[in-house]
């Protein structure tokens, strides 16, 4: 896969290196920790308004990848 075909999602600082891969689209969920959020400058990231899996689905939908018809099962 090329980087532009990849979407990553996370909520803690240990996810940061995924967000920093050039060309990768990223989703930071609403309940992401401040340590991650403060280090996302320069990353192509969707800051979700929803937490957890709902935030991931929101981000996927934003990137045109509607995995559940826009509905979460959570």
PDB file of N, CA and C in Angstrom:
ATOM      1  N   UNK A   1       0.844  -1.176   0.000  1.00  0.00           N
ATOM      2  CA  UNK A   1       0.000   0.000   0.000  1.00  0.00           C
ATOM      3  C   UNK A   1       0.883   1.231   0.000  1.00  0.00           C
ATOM      4  N   UNK A   2       0.409   2.268  -0.650  1.00  0.00           N
ATOM      5  CA  UNK A   2       1.099   3.548  -0.547  1.00  0.00           C
ATOM      6  C   UNK A   2       0.480   4.312   0.626  1.00  0.00           C
ATOM      7  N   UNK A   3       1.203   5.287   1.120  1.00  0.00           N
ATOM      8  CA  UNK A   3       0.756   6.013   2.318  1.00  0.00           C
ATOM      9  C   UNK A   3      -0.613   6.660   2.124  1.00  0.00           C
ATOM     10  N   UNK A   4      -0.907   7.159   0.930  1.00  0.00           N
ATOM     11  CA  UNK A   4      -2.199   7.824   0.731  1.00  0.00           C
ATOM     12  C   UNK A   4      -3.376   6.848   0.767  1.00  0.00           C
ATOM     13  N   UNK A   5      -3.105   5.551   0.771  1.00  0.00           N
ATOM     14  CA  UNK A   5      -4.157   4.542   0.874  1.00  0.00           C
ATOM     15  C   UNK A   5      -4.388   4.086   2.321  1.00  0.00           C
ATOM     16  N   UNK A   6      -3.646   4.661   3.236  1.00  0.00           N
ATOM     17  CA  UNK A   6      -3.685   4.228   4.633  1.00  0.00           C
ATOM     18  C   UNK A   6      -4.370   5.288   5.494  1.00  0.00           C
ATOM     19  N   UNK A   7      -5.219   4.820   6.411  1.00  0.00           N
ATOM     20  CA  UNK A   7      -5.828   5.674   7.426  1.00  0.00           C
ATOM     21  C   UNK A   7      -5.475   5.077   8.775  1.00  0.00           C
ATOM     22  N   UNK A   8      -4.990   5.911   9.675  1.00  0.00           N
ATOM     23  CA  UNK A   8      -4.672   5.467  11.029  1.00  0.00           C
ATOM     24  C   UNK A   8      -5.556   6.216  12.017  1.00  0.00           C
ATOM     25  N   UNK A   9      -5.752   5.628  13.185  1.00  0.00           N
ATOM     26  CA  UNK A   9      -6.549   6.269  14.225  1.00  0.00           C
ATOM     27  C   UNK A   9      -5.884   6.020  15.561  1.00  0.00           C
ATOM     28  N   UNK A  10      -6.005   6.993  16.451  1.00  0.00           N
ATOM     29  CA  UNK A  10      -5.399   6.821  17.756  1.00  0.00           C
ATOM     30  C   UNK A  10      -5.892   7.823  18.771  1.00  0.00           C
ATOM     31  N   UNK A  11      -5.424   7.596  20.007  1.00  0.00           N
ATOM     32  CA  UNK A  11      -5.858   8.463  21.099  1.00  0.00           C
ATOM     33  C   UNK A  11      -4.768   8.741  22.135  1.00  0.00           C
ATOM     34  N   UNK A  12      -3.591   8.137  21.984  1.00  0.00           N
ATOM     35  CA  UNK A  12      -2.514   8.360  22.957  1.00  0.00           C
ATOM     36  C   UNK A  12      -1.198   8.639  22.234  1.00  0.00           C
ATOM     37  N   UNK A  13      -0.208   9.104  22.991  1.00  0.00           N
ATOM     38  CA  UNK A  13       1.087   9.460  22.408  1.00  0.00           C
ATOM     39  C   UNK A  13       1.783   8.290  21.726  1.00  0.00           C
ATOM     40  N   UNK A  14       1.516   7.070  22.140  1.00  0.00           N
ATOM     41  CA  UNK A  14       2.180   5.944  21.478  1.00  0.00           C
ATOM     42  C   UNK A  14       1.693   5.769  20.038  1.00  0.00           C
ATOM     43  N   UNK A  15       0.645   6.479  19.637  1.00  0.00           N
ATOM     44  CA  UNK A  15       0.134   6.447  18.270  1.00  0.00           C
ATOM     45  C   UNK A  15       0.783   7.511  17.378  1.00  0.00           C
ATOM     46  N   UNK A  16       1.565   8.399  17.960  1.00  0.00           N
ATOM     47  CA  UNK A  16       2.093   9.554  17.238  1.00  0.00           C
ATOM     48  C   UNK A  16       2.884   9.188  15.990  1.00  0.00           C
ATOM     49  N   UNK A  17       3.727   8.169  16.050  1.00  0.00           N
ATOM     50  CA  UNK A  17       4.553   7.847  14.886  1.00  0.00           C
ATOM     51  C   UNK A  17       3.703   7.458  13.673  1.00  0.00           C
ATOM     52  N   UNK A  18       2.539   6.856  13.893  1.00  0.00           N
ATOM     53  CA  UNK A  18       1.643   6.539  12.769  1.00  0.00           C
ATOM     54  C   UNK A  18       1.143   7.827  12.117  1.00  0.00           C
ATOM     55  N   UNK A  19       0.817   8.810  12.945  1.00  0.00           N
ATOM     56  CA  UNK A  19       0.279  10.075  12.456  1.00  0.00           C
ATOM     57  C   UNK A  19       1.332  10.853  11.659  1.00  0.00           C
ATOM     58  N   UNK A  20       2.593  10.609  11.928  1.00  0.00           N
ATOM     59  CA  UNK A  20       3.676  11.365  11.304  1.00  0.00           C
ATOM     60  C   UNK A  20       4.169  10.775   9.980  1.00  0.00           C
ATOM     61  N   UNK A  21       3.635   9.648   9.548  1.00  0.00           N
ATOM     62  CA  UNK A  21       4.041   9.060   8.265  1.00  0.00           C
ATOM     63  C   UNK A  21       3.544   9.980   7.148  1.00  0.00           C
ATOM     64  N   UNK A  22       4.432  10.478   6.292  1.00  0.00           N
ATOM     65  CA  UNK A  22       4.001  11.390   5.224  1.00  0.00           C
ATOM     66  C   UNK A  22       2.942  10.760   4.326  1.00  0.00           C
ATOM     67  N   UNK A  23       1.862  11.496   4.092  1.00  0.00           N
ATOM     68  CA  UNK A  23       0.799  11.044   3.207  1.00  0.00           C
ATOM     69  C   UNK A  23      -0.314  10.269   3.867  1.00  0.00           C
ATOM     70  N   UNK A  24      -0.114   9.809   5.090  1.00  0.00           N
ATOM     71  CA  UNK A  24      -1.138   9.029   5.794  1.00  0.00           C
ATOM     72  C   UNK A  24      -2.228   9.961   6.311  1.00  0.00           C
ATOM     73  N   UNK A  25      -3.465   9.527   6.157  1.00  0.00           N
ATOM     74  CA  UNK A  25      -4.590  10.254   6.747  1.00  0.00           C
ATOM     75  C   UNK A  25      -4.809   9.702   8.150  1.00  0.00           C
ATOM     76  N   UNK A  26      -5.073  10.599   9.089  1.00  0.00           N
ATOM     77  CA  UNK A  26      -5.165  10.182  10.482  1.00  0.00           C
ATOM     78  C   UNK A  26      -6.448  10.686  11.133  1.00  0.00           C
ATOM     79  N   UNK A  27      -6.880   9.938  12.135  1.00  0.00           N
ATOM     80  CA  UNK A  27      -8.056  10.297  12.919  1.00  0.00           C
ATOM     81  C   UNK A  27      -7.650  10.324  14.385  1.00  0.00           C
ATOM     82  N   UNK A  28      -7.838  11.471  15.009  1.00  0.00           N
ATOM     83  CA  UNK A  28      -7.673  11.579  16.463  1.00  0.00           C
ATOM     84  C   UNK A  28      -9.080  11.658  17.039  1.00  0.00           C
ATOM     85  N   UNK A  29      -9.430  10.696  17.855  1.00  0.00           N
ATOM     86  CA  UNK A  29     -10.788  10.642  18.409  1.00  0.00           C
ATOM     87  C   UNK A  29     -10.952  11.702  19.494  1.00  0.00           C
ATOM     88  N   UNK A  30     -12.212  12.036  19.809  1.00  0.00           N
ATOM     89  CA  UNK A  30     -12.505  13.130  20.733  1.00  0.00           C
ATOM     90  C   UNK A  30     -11.897  12.929  22.116  1.00  0.00           C
ATOM     91  N   UNK A  31     -11.722  11.694  22.538  1.00  0.00           N
ATOM     92  CA  UNK A  31     -11.158  11.437  23.857  1.00  0.00           C
ATOM     93  C   UNK A  31      -9.644  11.210  23.800  1.00  0.00           C
ATOM     94  N   UNK A  32      -8.998  11.692  22.731  1.00  0.00           N
ATOM     95  CA  UNK A  32      -7.536  11.584  22.629  1.00  0.00           C
ATOM     96  C   UNK A  32      -6.885  12.391  23.744  1.00  0.00           C
ATOM     97  N   UNK A  33      -5.777  11.878  24.234  1.00  0.00           N
ATOM     98  CA  UNK A  33      -5.076  12.540  25.332  1.00  0.00           C
ATOM     99  C   UNK A  33      -4.349  13.796  24.848  1.00  0.00           C
ATOM    100  N   UNK A  34      -4.244  14.803  25.721  1.00  0.00           N
ATOM    101  CA  UNK A  34      -3.574  16.053  25.352  1.00  0.00           C
ATOM    102  C   UNK A  34      -2.149  15.849  24.837  1.00  0.00           C
ATOM    103  N   UNK A  35      -1.440  14.850  25.323  1.00  0.00           N
ATOM    104  CA  UNK A  35      -0.083  14.591  24.871  1.00  0.00           C
ATOM    105  C   UNK A  35      -0.012  14.276  23.389  1.00  0.00           C
ATOM    106  N   UNK A  36      -1.023  13.617  22.847  1.00  0.00           N
ATOM    107  CA  UNK A  36      -1.079  13.354  21.406  1.00  0.00           C
ATOM    108  C   UNK A  36      -1.519  14.615  20.672  1.00  0.00           C
ATOM    109  N   UNK A  37      -2.594  15.209  21.114  1.00  0.00           N
ATOM    110  CA  UNK A  37      -3.159  16.365  20.427  1.00  0.00           C
ATOM    111  C   UNK A  37      -2.162  17.514  20.297  1.00  0.00           C
ATOM    112  N   UNK A  38      -1.322  17.691  21.292  1.00  0.00           N
ATOM    113  CA  UNK A  38      -0.361  18.802  21.272  1.00  0.00           C
ATOM    114  C   UNK A  38       0.786  18.582  20.299  1.00  0.00           C
ATOM    115  N   UNK A  39       0.903  17.387  19.727  1.00  0.00           N
ATOM    116  CA  UNK A  39       2.041  17.064  18.861  1.00  0.00           C
ATOM    117  C   UNK A  39       1.636  16.750  17.423  1.00  0.00           C
ATOM    118  N   UNK A  40       0.440  17.149  17.020  1.00  0.00           N
ATOM    119  CA  UNK A  40      -0.063  16.794  15.699  1.00  0.00           C
ATOM    120  C   UNK A  40       0.200  17.835  14.614  1.00  0.00           C
ATOM    121  N   UNK A  41       0.951  18.893  14.917  1.00  0.00           N
ATOM    122  CA  UNK A  41       1.252  19.902  13.910  1.00  0.00           C
ATOM    123  C   UNK A  41       1.900  19.255  12.690  1.00  0.00           C
ATOM    124  N   UNK A  42       1.442  19.612  11.515  1.00  0.00           N
ATOM    125  CA  UNK A  42       1.993  19.081  10.280  1.00  0.00           C
ATOM    126  C   UNK A  42       1.416  17.750   9.846  1.00  0.00           C
ATOM    127  N   UNK A  43       0.536  17.179  10.644  1.00  0.00           N
ATOM    128  CA  UNK A  43      -0.079  15.896  10.293  1.00  0.00           C
ATOM    129  C   UNK A  43      -1.417  16.161   9.603  1.00  0.00           C
ATOM    130  N   UNK A  44      -1.764  15.321   8.640  1.00  0.00           N
ATOM    131  CA  UNK A  44      -3.079  15.383   8.006  1.00  0.00           C
ATOM    132  C   UNK A  44      -4.024  14.602   8.905  1.00  0.00           C
ATOM    133  N   UNK A  45      -4.710  15.320   9.796  1.00  0.00           N
ATOM    134  CA  UNK A  45      -5.497  14.635  10.818  1.00  0.00           C
ATOM    135  C   UNK A  45      -6.909  15.205  10.896  1.00  0.00           C
ATOM    136  N   UNK A  46      -7.862  14.303  11.038  1.00  0.00           N
ATOM    137  CA  UNK A  46      -9.244  14.697  11.322  1.00  0.00           C
ATOM    138  C   UNK A  46      -9.414  14.608  12.833  1.00  0.00           C
ATOM    139  N   UNK A  47      -9.781  15.722  13.452  1.00  0.00           N
ATOM    140  CA  UNK A  47     -10.053  15.727  14.889  1.00  0.00           C
ATOM    141  C   UNK A  47     -11.541  15.419  15.059  1.00  0.00           C
ATOM    142  N   UNK A  48     -11.838  14.206  15.429  1.00  0.00           N
ATOM    143  CA  UNK A  48     -13.233  13.758  15.532  1.00  0.00           C
ATOM    144  C   UNK A  48     -13.936  14.428  16.699  1.00  0.00           C
ATOM    145  N   UNK A  49     -15.208  14.652  16.524  1.00  0.00           N
ATOM    146  CA  UNK A  49     -16.036  15.181  17.598  1.00  0.00           C
ATOM    147  C   UNK A  49     -16.575  14.087  18.503  1.00  0.00           C
ATOM    148  N   UNK A  50     -16.452  12.848  18.048  1.00  0.00           N
ATOM    149  CA  UNK A  50     -16.957  11.704  18.805  1.00  0.00           C
ATOM    150  C   UNK A  50     -15.780  10.896  19.366  1.00  0.00           C
ATOM    151  N   UNK A  51     -15.982  10.226  20.483  1.00  0.00           N
ATOM    152  CA  UNK A  51     -14.919   9.412  21.070  1.00  0.00           C
ATOM    153  C   UNK A  51     -14.892   7.990  20.516  1.00  0.00           C
ATOM    154  N   UNK A  52     -13.788   7.310  20.796  1.00  0.00           N
ATOM    155  CA  UNK A  52     -13.661   5.867  20.572  1.00  0.00           C
ATOM    156  C   UNK A  52     -14.056   5.461  19.147  1.00  0.00           C
ATOM    157  N   UNK A  53     -14.759   4.335  19.008  1.00  0.00           N
ATOM    158  CA  UNK A  53     -15.109   3.801  17.687  1.00  0.00           C
ATOM    159  C   UNK A  53     -15.992   4.759  16.897  1.00  0.00           C
ATOM    160  N   UNK A  54     -16.853   5.501  17.581  1.00  0.00           N
ATOM    161  CA  UNK A  54     -17.687   6.466  16.869  1.00  0.00           C
ATOM    162  C   UNK A  54     -16.824   7.543  16.215  1.00  0.00           C
ATOM    163  N   UNK A  55     -15.748   7.937  16.865  1.00  0.00           N
ATOM    164  CA  UNK A  55     -14.829   8.911  16.280  1.00  0.00           C
ATOM    165  C   UNK A  55     -14.094   8.352  15.079  1.00  0.00           C
ATOM    166  N   UNK A  56     -13.737   7.083  15.136  1.00  0.00           N
ATOM    167  CA  UNK A  56     -13.072   6.442  13.995  1.00  0.00           C
ATOM    168  C   UNK A  56     -14.031   6.398  12.807  1.00  0.00           C
ATOM    169  N   UNK A  57     -15.273   6.006  13.040  1.00  0.00           N
ATOM    170  CA  UNK A  57     -16.264   5.968  11.961  1.00  0.00           C
ATOM    171  C   UNK A  57     -16.491   7.366  11.400  1.00  0.00           C
ATOM    172  N   UNK A  58     -16.552   8.362  12.267  1.00  0.00           N
ATOM    173  CA  UNK A  58     -16.696   9.746  11.814  1.00  0.00           C
ATOM    174  C   UNK A  58     -15.542  10.124  10.883  1.00  0.00           C
ATOM    175  N   UNK A  59     -14.323   9.799  11.278  1.00  0.00           N
ATOM    176  CA  UNK A  59     -13.161  10.116  10.466  1.00  0.00           C
ATOM    177  C   UNK A  59     -13.142   9.371   9.149  1.00  0.00           C
ATOM    178  N   UNK A  60     -13.480   8.101   9.174  1.00  0.00           N
ATOM    179  CA  UNK A  60     -13.534   7.328   7.936  1.00  0.00           C
ATOM    180  C   UNK A  60     -14.555   7.915   6.973  1.00  0.00           C
ATOM    181  N   UNK A  61     -15.682   8.326   7.506  1.00  0.00           N
ATOM    182  CA  UNK A  61     -16.703   8.963   6.687  1.00  0.00           C
ATOM    183  C   UNK A  61     -16.180  10.273   6.114  1.00  0.00           C
ATOM    184  N   UNK A  62     -15.473  11.048   6.914  1.00  0.00           N
ATOM    185  CA  UNK A  62     -14.877  12.316   6.461  1.00  0.00           C
ATOM    186  C   UNK A  62     -13.909  12.072   5.308  1.00  0.00           C
ATOM    187  N   UNK A  63     -13.181  10.966   5.345  1.00  0.00           N
ATOM    188  CA  UNK A  63     -12.226  10.637   4.299  1.00  0.00           C
ATOM    189  C   UNK A  63     -12.877   9.895   3.128  1.00  0.00           C
ATOM    190  N   UNK A  64     -14.212   9.780   3.131  1.00  0.00           N
ATOM    191  CA  UNK A  64     -14.921   9.148   2.026  1.00  0.00           C
ATOM    192  C   UNK A  64     -14.947   7.643   2.103  1.00  0.00           C
ATOM    193  N   UNK A  65     -14.693   7.097   3.268  1.00  0.00           N
ATOM    194  CA  UNK A  65     -14.688   5.646   3.478  1.00  0.00           C
ATOM    195  C   UNK A  65     -15.774   5.319   4.487  1.00  0.00           C
ATOM    196  N   UNK A  66     -16.997   5.249   4.038  1.00  0.00           N
ATOM    197  CA  UNK A  66     -18.143   5.097   4.926  1.00  0.00           C
ATOM    198  C   UNK A  66     -18.353   3.625   5.286  1.00  0.00           C
ATOM    199  N   UNK A  67     -17.746   3.152   6.384  1.00  0.00           N
ATOM    200  CA  UNK A  67     -17.729   1.726   6.687  1.00  0.00           C
ATOM    201  C   UNK A  67     -19.039   1.117   7.156  1.00  0.00           C
ATOM    202  N   UNK A  68     -19.915   1.932   7.740  1.00  0.00           N
ATOM    203  CA  UNK A  68     -21.137   1.361   8.314  1.00  0.00           C
ATOM    204  C   UNK A  68     -22.357   2.164   7.872  1.00  0.00           C
ATOM    205  N   UNK A  69     -22.297   2.696   6.689  1.00  0.00           N
ATOM    206  CA  UNK A  69     -23.431   3.502   6.230  1.00  0.00           C
ATOM    207  C   UNK A  69     -23.634   4.728   7.087  1.00  0.00           C
ATOM    208  N   UNK A  70     -22.560   5.190   7.770  1.00  0.00           N
ATOM    209  CA  UNK A  70     -22.661   6.359   8.625  1.00  0.00           C
ATOM    210  C   UNK A  70     -23.188   6.056  10.003  1.00  0.00           C
ATOM    211  N   UNK A  71     -23.478   4.801  10.292  1.00  0.00           N
ATOM    212  CA  UNK A  71     -24.039   4.445  11.598  1.00  0.00           C
ATOM    213  C   UNK A  71     -23.023   3.621  12.381  1.00  0.00           C
ATOM    214  N   UNK A  72     -22.945   3.903  13.657  1.00  0.00           N
ATOM    215  CA  UNK A  72     -22.062   3.118  14.523  1.00  0.00           C
ATOM    216  C   UNK A  72     -22.879   2.059  15.243  1.00  0.00           C
ATOM    217  N   UNK A  73     -22.241   0.919  15.478  1.00  0.00           N
ATOM    218  CA  UNK A  73     -22.914  -0.122  16.253  1.00  0.00           C
ATOM    219  C   UNK A  73     -22.546  -0.023  17.724  1.00  0.00           C
ATOM    220  N   UNK A  74     -21.789   1.007  18.066  1.00  0.00           N
ATOM    221  CA  UNK A  74     -21.347   1.181  19.455  1.00  0.00           C
ATOM    222  C   UNK A  74     -22.419   1.865  20.252  1.00  0.00           C
TER     223      UNK A  74
END
